[in-house]
Amino acid sequence: ATIPGTAFGESGAGHIRIACTLPMEGLKKAFDRMEQALKSRVNA
């Protein structure tokens, strides 16, 4: 789950909080997918 950083006050603007509640293998897959998505945006 993701939560907007502003849920923790104004200093959280521009940030997100990520709740990592999956087993380690699931987290690795999720972060690998996030990495690829971010790279594709930077290279677009």
N, C-alpha and C. Protein backbone atom coordinates (compact mmCIF):
# COMPACT_ATOMS: atom_id res chain seq x y z
N ALA A 1 0.85 -1.18 0.00
CA ALA A 1 0.00 0.00 0.00
C ALA A 1 0.88 1.24 0.00
N THR A 2 0.40 2.29 -0.61
CA THR A 2 1.10 3.58 -0.57
C THR A 2 0.21 4.61 0.08
N ILE A 3 0.84 5.52 0.78
CA ILE A 3 0.14 6.60 1.47
C ILE A 3 0.83 7.90 1.10
N PRO A 4 0.07 8.95 0.73
CA PRO A 4 0.71 10.22 0.42
C PRO A 4 1.52 10.73 1.62
N GLY A 5 2.67 11.28 1.35
CA GLY A 5 3.50 11.81 2.43
C GLY A 5 2.82 12.89 3.24
N THR A 6 1.89 13.61 2.62
CA THR A 6 1.19 14.68 3.34
C THR A 6 0.33 14.15 4.47
N ALA A 7 0.06 12.84 4.51
CA ALA A 7 -0.68 12.25 5.63
C ALA A 7 0.12 12.38 6.92
N PHE A 8 1.42 12.67 6.81
CA PHE A 8 2.30 12.80 7.96
C PHE A 8 2.74 14.24 8.18
N GLY A 9 2.04 15.18 7.55
CA GLY A 9 2.35 16.59 7.72
C GLY A 9 2.83 17.23 6.43
N GLU A 10 2.91 18.55 6.46
CA GLU A 10 3.31 19.31 5.26
C GLU A 10 4.69 18.94 4.76
N SER A 11 5.59 18.57 5.65
CA SER A 11 6.95 18.23 5.22
C SER A 11 6.99 16.95 4.38
N GLY A 12 5.88 16.21 4.36
CA GLY A 12 5.81 14.99 3.55
C GLY A 12 5.39 15.24 2.11
N ALA A 13 5.11 16.49 1.76
CA ALA A 13 4.69 16.82 0.39
C ALA A 13 5.76 16.35 -0.60
N GLY A 14 5.31 15.72 -1.67
CA GLY A 14 6.23 15.23 -2.70
C GLY A 14 6.79 13.85 -2.41
N HIS A 15 6.34 13.23 -1.33
CA HIS A 15 6.83 11.90 -0.94
C HIS A 15 5.66 10.94 -0.79
N ILE A 16 5.97 9.66 -0.78
CA ILE A 16 4.97 8.64 -0.47
C ILE A 16 5.55 7.71 0.59
N ARG A 17 4.67 7.07 1.34
CA ARG A 17 5.08 6.03 2.28
C ARG A 17 4.62 4.71 1.69
N ILE A 18 5.49 3.73 1.69
CA ILE A 18 5.17 2.42 1.14
C ILE A 18 5.15 1.41 2.28
N ALA A 19 4.03 0.72 2.45
CA ALA A 19 3.92 -0.33 3.45
C ALA A 19 4.33 -1.65 2.80
N CYS A 20 5.40 -2.23 3.29
CA CYS A 20 5.95 -3.47 2.72
C CYS A 20 5.53 -4.65 3.59
N THR A 21 4.42 -5.29 3.23
CA THR A 21 3.88 -6.35 4.06
C THR A 21 3.85 -7.70 3.35
N LEU A 22 4.62 -7.83 2.29
CA LEU A 22 4.69 -9.09 1.54
C LEU A 22 5.91 -9.88 2.00
N PRO A 23 5.93 -11.18 1.70
CA PRO A 23 7.16 -11.94 1.91
C PRO A 23 8.29 -11.33 1.05
N MET A 24 9.52 -11.57 1.42
CA MET A 24 10.67 -10.94 0.77
C MET A 24 10.67 -11.14 -0.75
N GLU A 25 10.33 -12.32 -1.24
CA GLU A 25 10.33 -12.56 -2.69
C GLU A 25 9.31 -11.66 -3.40
N GLY A 26 8.14 -11.48 -2.79
CA GLY A 26 7.13 -10.60 -3.36
C GLY A 26 7.60 -9.16 -3.38
N LEU A 27 8.30 -8.74 -2.32
CA LEU A 27 8.84 -7.38 -2.28
C LEU A 27 9.87 -7.17 -3.37
N LYS A 28 10.74 -8.16 -3.56
CA LYS A 28 11.76 -8.04 -4.60
C LYS A 28 11.11 -7.87 -5.97
N LYS A 29 10.10 -8.67 -6.26
CA LYS A 29 9.41 -8.55 -7.55
C LYS A 29 8.76 -7.17 -7.69
N ALA A 30 8.13 -6.71 -6.62
CA ALA A 30 7.45 -5.41 -6.67
C ALA A 30 8.45 -4.28 -6.93
N PHE A 31 9.59 -4.31 -6.23
CA PHE A 31 10.57 -3.24 -6.41
C PHE A 31 11.26 -3.35 -7.77
N ASP A 32 11.44 -4.55 -8.27
CA ASP A 32 11.98 -4.70 -9.63
C ASP A 32 11.04 -4.07 -10.65
N ARG A 33 9.74 -4.29 -10.48
CA ARG A 33 8.75 -3.70 -11.39
C ARG A 33 8.73 -2.18 -11.27
N MET A 34 8.84 -1.68 -10.04
CA MET A 34 8.88 -0.22 -9.84
C MET A 34 10.11 0.37 -10.51
N GLU A 35 11.25 -0.32 -10.37
CA GLU A 35 12.48 0.16 -10.99
C GLU A 35 12.33 0.27 -12.51
N GLN A 36 11.77 -0.76 -13.13
CA GLN A 36 11.58 -0.74 -14.58
C GLN A 36 10.62 0.38 -15.00
N ALA A 37 9.56 0.57 -14.24
CA ALA A 37 8.60 1.63 -14.57
C ALA A 37 9.25 3.00 -14.48
N LEU A 38 10.04 3.22 -13.44
CA LEU A 38 10.70 4.52 -13.28
C LEU A 38 11.74 4.74 -14.37
N LYS A 39 12.49 3.71 -14.70
CA LYS A 39 13.49 3.83 -15.77
C LYS A 39 12.83 4.17 -17.10
N SER A 40 11.68 3.56 -17.38
CA SER A 40 11.01 3.84 -18.65
C SER A 40 10.51 5.28 -18.71
N ARG A 41 10.14 5.84 -17.56
CA ARG A 41 9.70 7.24 -17.53
C ARG A 41 10.87 8.18 -17.73
N VAL A 42 12.01 7.87 -17.15
CA VAL A 42 13.19 8.73 -17.27
C VAL A 42 13.71 8.71 -18.71
N ASN A 43 13.65 7.55 -19.34
CA ASN A 43 14.16 7.40 -20.71
C ASN A 43 13.15 7.78 -21.78
N ALA A 44 11.96 8.19 -21.40
CA ALA A 44 10.92 8.52 -22.39
C ALA A 44 11.14 9.89 -23.00
